């Protein structure tokens, strides 16, 4: 699954009552360009901003 596809899925959760989420396996030591960290932060932002209308 690409980052773009993940964000589409997360945006599809809008309007639902999301109770919890967990993000694992982001290791800064192996992310020299910091792309994984940015993608993870964006995914978490989408989860935090998801909620019932």
Protein backbone atom coordinates (compact mmCIF):
# COMPACT_ATOMS: atom_id res chain seq x y z
CA UNK A 1 0.00 0.00 0.00
CA UNK A 2 1.41 3.39 -0.93
CA UNK A 3 1.19 6.51 1.22
CA UNK A 4 -1.36 7.97 -1.17
CA UNK A 5 -3.59 4.90 -0.87
CA UNK A 6 -3.29 4.94 2.93
CA UNK A 7 -4.36 8.58 3.06
CA UNK A 8 -7.38 7.78 0.86
CA UNK A 9 -8.43 5.05 3.30
CA UNK A 10 -7.93 7.31 6.31
CA UNK A 11 -9.91 10.12 4.70
CA UNK A 12 -12.68 7.58 4.05
CA UNK A 13 -13.05 7.21 7.83
CA UNK A 14 -14.33 10.78 8.12
CA UNK A 15 -17.65 10.87 9.91
CA UNK A 16 -16.93 7.72 11.93
CA UNK A 17 -16.24 7.69 15.66
CA UNK A 18 -12.60 6.54 15.74
CA UNK A 19 -11.74 5.45 19.27
CA UNK A 20 -8.02 4.73 18.93
CA UNK A 21 -5.13 4.29 16.55
CA UNK A 22 -1.54 3.12 16.73
CA UNK A 23 1.45 3.83 14.50
CA UNK A 24 4.49 1.56 14.72
CA UNK A 25 7.71 0.77 12.86
CA UNK A 26 9.02 4.26 12.07
CA UNK A 27 12.74 4.25 12.78
CA UNK A 28 14.55 7.58 12.35
CA UNK A 29 17.90 5.79 12.21
CA UNK A 30 16.92 4.14 8.90
CA UNK A 31 15.00 7.11 7.49
CA UNK A 32 17.83 9.31 6.23
CA UNK A 33 15.66 11.41 3.91
CA UNK A 34 12.93 11.68 6.61
CA UNK A 35 10.25 10.69 4.09
CA UNK A 36 8.83 7.92 6.27
CA UNK A 37 8.62 10.30 9.24
CA UNK A 38 6.76 12.88 7.18
CA UNK A 39 4.36 10.26 5.82
CA UNK A 40 3.75 8.94 9.36
CA UNK A 41 3.10 12.44 10.69
CA UNK A 42 0.65 13.10 7.86
CA UNK A 43 -1.15 9.82 8.53
CA UNK A 44 -1.46 10.64 12.23
CA UNK A 45 -2.76 14.11 11.40
CA UNK A 46 -5.46 12.55 9.23
CA UNK A 47 -6.40 10.18 12.08
CA UNK A 48 -6.53 12.98 14.65
CA UNK A 49 -8.68 15.17 12.42
CA UNK A 50 -11.11 12.32 11.65
CA UNK A 51 -14.28 12.39 13.65
CA UNK A 52 -18.04 12.54 13.62
CA UNK A 53 -19.48 15.53 11.78
